Amino acid sequence: YTPAFERLGLDVQTGWVAHELLHIALRHGPRYRALQRRLGDVDLALFNRCADAVVNSALAPAAWLALPAQALTLPQLVFPPQTLSARKSNTKPSEVTGSLVR
């Protein structure tokens, strides 16, 4: 770790360590390699964003740690801010989903 890590509060340090440990526990590295073997070309950046959202969503309810403000969660990944207003205005789910895939 770096001096910048040392300057973080204990709750944030705990959040970072728990985040990395959960990636290991969920076997994200081996899962990525298995996906590559099965599909060929896999977008590593997209896989990492999805894996981070899973990890952060699992850790978010824990009161004994803090995640960075920019930590991506599953609701943010599935329903980015531009789609949230559509959800609140009774837009059909298929219309929201369509905007995510385009």
N, C-alpha and C. Protein backbone atom coordinates (compact mmCIF):
# COMPACT_ATOMS: atom_id res chain seq x y z
N TYR A 1 0.83 -1.18 0.00
CA TYR A 1 0.00 0.00 0.00
C TYR A 1 0.88 1.24 0.00
N THR A 2 0.26 2.39 -0.19
CA THR A 2 1.00 3.64 -0.37
C THR A 2 0.73 4.59 0.80
N PRO A 3 1.49 5.68 0.88
CA PRO A 3 1.21 6.69 1.91
C PRO A 3 -0.21 7.25 1.80
N ALA A 4 -0.74 7.34 0.59
CA ALA A 4 -2.12 7.83 0.42
C ALA A 4 -3.10 6.89 1.12
N PHE A 5 -2.84 5.59 1.07
CA PHE A 5 -3.70 4.61 1.75
C PHE A 5 -3.62 4.82 3.26
N GLU A 6 -2.42 5.09 3.76
CA GLU A 6 -2.24 5.30 5.20
C GLU A 6 -3.02 6.51 5.69
N ARG A 7 -3.23 7.50 4.83
CA ARG A 7 -3.94 8.72 5.23
C ARG A 7 -5.45 8.52 5.28
N LEU A 8 -5.95 7.44 4.71
CA LEU A 8 -7.39 7.18 4.73
C LEU A 8 -7.83 6.79 6.14
N GLY A 9 -9.08 7.03 6.43
CA GLY A 9 -9.64 6.60 7.71
C GLY A 9 -9.68 5.07 7.78
N LEU A 10 -9.71 4.54 8.98
CA LEU A 10 -9.71 3.10 9.16
C LEU A 10 -10.90 2.44 8.47
N ASP A 11 -12.07 3.09 8.50
CA ASP A 11 -13.24 2.50 7.84
C ASP A 11 -13.06 2.41 6.33
N VAL A 12 -12.41 3.39 5.72
CA VAL A 12 -12.16 3.37 4.28
C VAL A 12 -11.07 2.34 3.95
N GLN A 13 -10.02 2.28 4.77
CA GLN A 13 -9.00 1.25 4.57
C GLN A 13 -9.63 -0.13 4.63
N THR A 14 -10.50 -0.34 5.61
CA THR A 14 -11.19 -1.62 5.76
C THR A 14 -12.04 -1.91 4.53
N GLY A 15 -12.69 -0.89 4.01
CA GLY A 15 -13.51 -1.06 2.81
C GLY A 15 -12.67 -1.48 1.61
N TRP A 16 -11.51 -0.85 1.42
CA TRP A 16 -10.63 -1.21 0.30
C TRP A 16 -10.16 -2.65 0.42
N VAL A 17 -9.72 -3.03 1.62
CA VAL A 17 -9.20 -4.39 1.81
C VAL A 17 -10.33 -5.41 1.64
N ALA A 18 -11.49 -5.14 2.22
CA ALA A 18 -12.63 -6.05 2.07
C ALA A 18 -13.02 -6.19 0.60
N HIS A 19 -12.96 -5.08 -0.14
CA HIS A 19 -13.28 -5.09 -1.57
C HIS A 19 -12.35 -6.05 -2.32
N GLU A 20 -11.06 -5.91 -2.09
CA GLU A 20 -10.09 -6.77 -2.78
C GLU A 20 -10.22 -8.22 -2.35
N LEU A 21 -10.43 -8.46 -1.06
CA LEU A 21 -10.60 -9.83 -0.58
C LEU A 21 -11.84 -10.50 -1.16
N LEU A 22 -12.90 -9.74 -1.32
CA LEU A 22 -14.12 -10.32 -1.88
C LEU A 22 -13.92 -10.68 -3.35
N HIS A 23 -13.13 -9.89 -4.09
CA HIS A 23 -12.80 -10.27 -5.47
C HIS A 23 -12.12 -11.65 -5.47
N ILE A 24 -11.22 -11.87 -4.53
CA ILE A 24 -10.52 -13.16 -4.44
C ILE A 24 -11.49 -14.25 -4.04
N ALA A 25 -12.31 -14.00 -3.03
CA ALA A 25 -13.26 -15.00 -2.54
C ALA A 25 -14.27 -15.39 -3.62
N LEU A 26 -14.67 -14.45 -4.43
CA LEU A 26 -15.63 -14.72 -5.50
C LEU A 26 -14.95 -15.24 -6.77
N ARG A 27 -13.62 -15.40 -6.70
CA ARG A 27 -12.82 -15.96 -7.79
C ARG A 27 -12.99 -15.20 -9.10
N HIS A 28 -12.99 -13.87 -9.03
CA HIS A 28 -13.19 -13.08 -10.23
C HIS A 28 -12.08 -13.27 -11.26
N GLY A 29 -10.84 -13.43 -10.82
CA GLY A 29 -9.75 -13.68 -11.78
C GLY A 29 -9.95 -14.98 -12.55
N PRO A 30 -10.13 -16.11 -11.86
CA PRO A 30 -10.38 -17.37 -12.57
C PRO A 30 -11.67 -17.34 -13.40
N ARG A 31 -12.68 -16.64 -12.93
CA ARG A 31 -13.93 -16.57 -13.70
C ARG A 31 -13.72 -15.80 -15.00
N TYR A 32 -12.91 -14.74 -14.94
CA TYR A 32 -12.61 -13.98 -16.16
C TYR A 32 -11.87 -14.87 -17.16
N ARG A 33 -10.86 -15.60 -16.68
CA ARG A 33 -10.10 -16.47 -17.59
C ARG A 33 -10.97 -17.58 -18.16
N ALA A 34 -11.88 -18.13 -17.37
CA ALA A 34 -12.80 -19.16 -17.87
C ALA A 34 -13.73 -18.58 -18.93
N LEU A 35 -14.19 -17.36 -18.71
CA LEU A 35 -15.06 -16.70 -19.68
C LEU A 35 -14.30 -16.45 -20.99
N GLN A 36 -13.03 -16.06 -20.88
CA GLN A 36 -12.19 -15.88 -22.07
C GLN A 36 -12.06 -17.19 -22.85
N ARG A 37 -11.80 -18.28 -22.14
CA ARG A 37 -11.66 -19.58 -22.81
C ARG A 37 -12.96 -19.97 -23.52
N ARG A 38 -14.08 -19.65 -22.89
CA ARG A 38 -15.37 -20.04 -23.46
C ARG A 38 -15.80 -19.15 -24.61
N LEU A 39 -15.59 -17.82 -24.48
CA LEU A 39 -16.11 -16.89 -25.47
C LEU A 39 -15.05 -16.28 -26.39
N GLY A 40 -13.79 -16.38 -25.99
CA GLY A 40 -12.75 -15.73 -26.79
C GLY A 40 -12.51 -14.32 -26.29
N ASP A 41 -12.86 -13.35 -27.11
CA ASP A 41 -12.60 -11.94 -26.77
C ASP A 41 -13.60 -11.46 -25.72
N VAL A 42 -13.10 -11.13 -24.53
CA VAL A 42 -13.94 -10.62 -23.45
C VAL A 42 -13.42 -9.24 -23.06
N ASP A 43 -14.32 -8.30 -22.90
CA ASP A 43 -13.96 -6.93 -22.54
C ASP A 43 -13.57 -6.88 -21.06
N LEU A 44 -12.27 -6.78 -20.79
CA LEU A 44 -11.76 -6.78 -19.42
C LEU A 44 -12.31 -5.59 -18.62
N ALA A 45 -12.37 -4.42 -19.23
CA ALA A 45 -12.86 -3.23 -18.52
C ALA A 45 -14.32 -3.43 -18.09
N LEU A 46 -15.13 -3.99 -18.98
CA LEU A 46 -16.53 -4.24 -18.65
C LEU A 46 -16.65 -5.31 -17.56
N PHE A 47 -15.85 -6.38 -17.68
CA PHE A 47 -15.86 -7.43 -16.66
C PHE A 47 -15.50 -6.84 -15.30
N ASN A 48 -14.47 -6.00 -15.27
CA ASN A 48 -14.04 -5.39 -14.00
C ASN A 48 -15.12 -4.49 -13.42
N ARG A 49 -15.79 -3.72 -14.26
CA ARG A 49 -16.87 -2.84 -13.76
C ARG A 49 -18.00 -3.67 -13.16
N CYS A 50 -18.35 -4.75 -13.84
CA CYS A 50 -19.42 -5.62 -13.33
C CYS A 50 -19.00 -6.30 -12.03
N ALA A 51 -17.78 -6.80 -11.99
CA ALA A 51 -17.27 -7.45 -10.77
C ALA A 51 -17.21 -6.45 -9.61
N ASP A 52 -16.77 -5.23 -9.89
CA ASP A 52 -16.74 -4.19 -8.85
C ASP A 52 -18.15 -3.90 -8.34
N ALA A 53 -19.12 -3.84 -9.24
CA ALA A 53 -20.50 -3.56 -8.83
C ALA A 53 -21.03 -4.67 -7.93
N VAL A 54 -20.70 -5.91 -8.24
CA VAL A 54 -21.13 -7.04 -7.40
C VAL A 54 -20.50 -6.93 -6.01
N VAL A 55 -19.19 -6.71 -5.98
CA VAL A 55 -18.46 -6.62 -4.71
C VAL A 55 -18.98 -5.44 -3.88
N ASN A 56 -19.07 -4.27 -4.49
CA ASN A 56 -19.51 -3.08 -3.75
C ASN A 56 -20.94 -3.22 -3.25
N SER A 57 -21.81 -3.85 -4.03
CA SER A 57 -23.19 -4.05 -3.60
C SER A 57 -23.25 -5.00 -2.40
N ALA A 58 -22.38 -5.98 -2.38
CA ALA A 58 -22.35 -6.91 -1.25
C ALA A 58 -21.83 -6.21 0.01
N LEU A 59 -20.88 -5.30 -0.16
CA LEU A 59 -20.26 -4.64 0.99
C LEU A 59 -21.02 -3.40 1.48
N ALA A 60 -21.81 -2.79 0.62
CA ALA A 60 -22.46 -1.52 0.94
C ALA A 60 -23.26 -1.53 2.24
N PRO A 61 -23.98 -2.59 2.57
CA PRO A 61 -24.76 -2.56 3.82
C PRO A 61 -23.92 -2.66 5.10
N ALA A 62 -22.65 -3.03 4.98
CA ALA A 62 -21.81 -3.23 6.17
C ALA A 62 -21.52 -1.90 6.85
N ALA A 63 -21.90 -1.78 8.09
CA ALA A 63 -21.72 -0.53 8.83
C ALA A 63 -20.28 -0.35 9.32
N TRP A 64 -19.49 -1.40 9.30
CA TRP A 64 -18.13 -1.36 9.86
C TRP A 64 -17.08 -0.97 8.83
N LEU A 65 -17.51 -0.59 7.61
CA LEU A 65 -16.56 -0.14 6.60
C LEU A 65 -17.18 0.98 5.78
N ALA A 66 -16.35 1.63 5.01
CA ALA A 66 -16.83 2.68 4.12
C ALA A 66 -16.25 2.45 2.73
N LEU A 67 -17.11 2.58 1.73
CA LEU A 67 -16.66 2.48 0.35
C LEU A 67 -16.40 3.88 -0.17
N PRO A 68 -15.48 4.02 -1.13
CA PRO A 68 -15.26 5.35 -1.71
C PRO A 68 -16.54 5.88 -2.36
N ALA A 69 -16.68 7.18 -2.40
CA ALA A 69 -17.89 7.80 -2.95
C ALA A 69 -18.15 7.34 -4.39
N GLN A 70 -17.10 7.07 -5.15
CA GLN A 70 -17.25 6.70 -6.55
C GLN A 70 -17.48 5.20 -6.75
N ALA A 71 -17.66 4.44 -5.67
CA ALA A 71 -17.84 2.99 -5.77
C ALA A 71 -19.12 2.67 -6.54
N LEU A 72 -18.98 1.90 -7.60
CA LEU A 72 -20.09 1.51 -8.45
C LEU A 72 -20.86 0.35 -7.80
N THR A 73 -22.19 0.43 -7.80
CA THR A 73 -23.02 -0.65 -7.27
C THR A 73 -23.91 -1.19 -8.39
N LEU A 74 -24.54 -2.32 -8.15
CA LEU A 74 -25.40 -2.93 -9.17
C LEU A 74 -26.53 -2.01 -9.64
N PRO A 75 -27.26 -1.35 -8.73
CA PRO A 75 -28.31 -0.45 -9.22
C PRO A 75 -27.76 0.66 -10.13
N GLN A 76 -26.58 1.17 -9.82
CA GLN A 76 -25.99 2.21 -10.67
C GLN A 76 -25.57 1.64 -12.03
N LEU A 77 -25.12 0.40 -12.03
CA LEU A 77 -24.69 -0.24 -13.28
C LEU A 77 -25.89 -0.56 -14.16
N VAL A 78 -26.93 -1.11 -13.56
CA VAL A 78 -28.11 -1.53 -14.32
C VAL A 78 -28.97 -0.34 -14.71
N PHE A 79 -29.09 0.62 -13.80
CA PHE A 79 -29.92 1.80 -14.06
C PHE A 79 -29.08 3.06 -13.86
N PRO A 80 -28.24 3.41 -14.85
CA PRO A 80 -27.45 4.65 -14.74
C PRO A 80 -28.37 5.86 -14.55
N PRO A 81 -27.84 6.97 -14.06
CA PRO A 81 -28.67 8.14 -13.75
C PRO A 81 -29.63 8.54 -14.87
N GLN A 82 -29.20 8.45 -16.13
CA GLN A 82 -30.07 8.88 -17.23
C GLN A 82 -31.30 7.97 -17.37
N THR A 83 -31.23 6.73 -16.87
CA THR A 83 -32.39 5.85 -16.96
C THR A 83 -33.26 5.92 -15.72
N LEU A 84 -32.76 6.45 -14.62
CA LEU A 84 -33.56 6.53 -13.40
C LEU A 84 -34.78 7.43 -13.58
N SER A 85 -34.61 8.55 -14.27
CA SER A 85 -35.75 9.43 -14.48
C SER A 85 -36.80 8.73 -15.34
N ALA A 86 -36.35 7.90 -16.29
CA ALA A 86 -37.30 7.14 -17.10
C ALA A 86 -38.07 6.14 -16.25
N ARG A 87 -37.39 5.50 -15.30
CA ARG A 87 -38.04 4.53 -14.42
C ARG A 87 -39.11 5.22 -13.57
N LYS A 88 -38.80 6.42 -13.08
CA LYS A 88 -39.72 7.12 -12.20
C LYS A 88 -40.94 7.65 -12.95
N SER A 89 -40.83 7.78 -14.27
CA SER A 89 -41.94 8.32 -15.04
C SER A 89 -42.82 7.22 -15.63
N ASN A 90 -42.80 6.03 -15.01
CA ASN A 90 -43.63 4.90 -15.43
C ASN A 90 -43.35 4.43 -16.86
N THR A 91 -42.12 4.57 -17.28
CA THR A 91 -41.72 4.06 -18.58
C THR A 91 -41.72 2.54 -18.51
N LYS A 92 -42.07 1.89 -19.60
CA LYS A 92 -42.07 0.43 -19.65
C LYS A 92 -40.65 -0.09 -19.44
N PRO A 93 -40.48 -1.19 -18.69
CA PRO A 93 -39.15 -1.76 -18.47
C PRO A 93 -38.40 -2.04 -19.78
N SER A 94 -39.11 -2.48 -20.81
CA SER A 94 -38.44 -2.79 -22.08
C SER A 94 -37.84 -1.53 -22.70
N GLU A 95 -38.48 -0.37 -22.49
CA GLU A 95 -37.93 0.88 -23.03
C GLU A 95 -36.65 1.26 -22.30
N VAL A 96 -36.61 1.05 -20.98
CA VAL A 96 -35.41 1.34 -20.19
C VAL A 96 -34.29 0.39 -20.58
N THR A 97 -34.60 -0.90 -20.67
CA THR A 97 -33.60 -1.90 -21.03
C THR A 97 -33.03 -1.59 -22.40
N GLY A 98 -33.88 -1.22 -23.34
CA GLY A 98 -33.41 -0.89 -24.68
C GLY A 98 -32.40 0.24 -24.68
N SER A 99 -32.60 1.22 -23.79
CA SER A 99 -31.64 2.34 -23.74
C SER A 99 -30.31 1.92 -23.17
N LEU A 100 -30.29 0.84 -22.37
CA LEU A 100 -29.04 0.37 -21.81
C LEU A 100 -28.19 -0.40 -22.80
N VAL A 101 -28.83 -1.04 -23.76
CA VAL A 101 -28.09 -1.87 -24.71
C VAL A 101 -27.63 -1.10 -25.92
N ARG A 102 -28.19 0.02 -26.19
CA ARG A 102 -27.79 0.79 -27.38
C ARG A 102 -26.42 1.39 -27.24
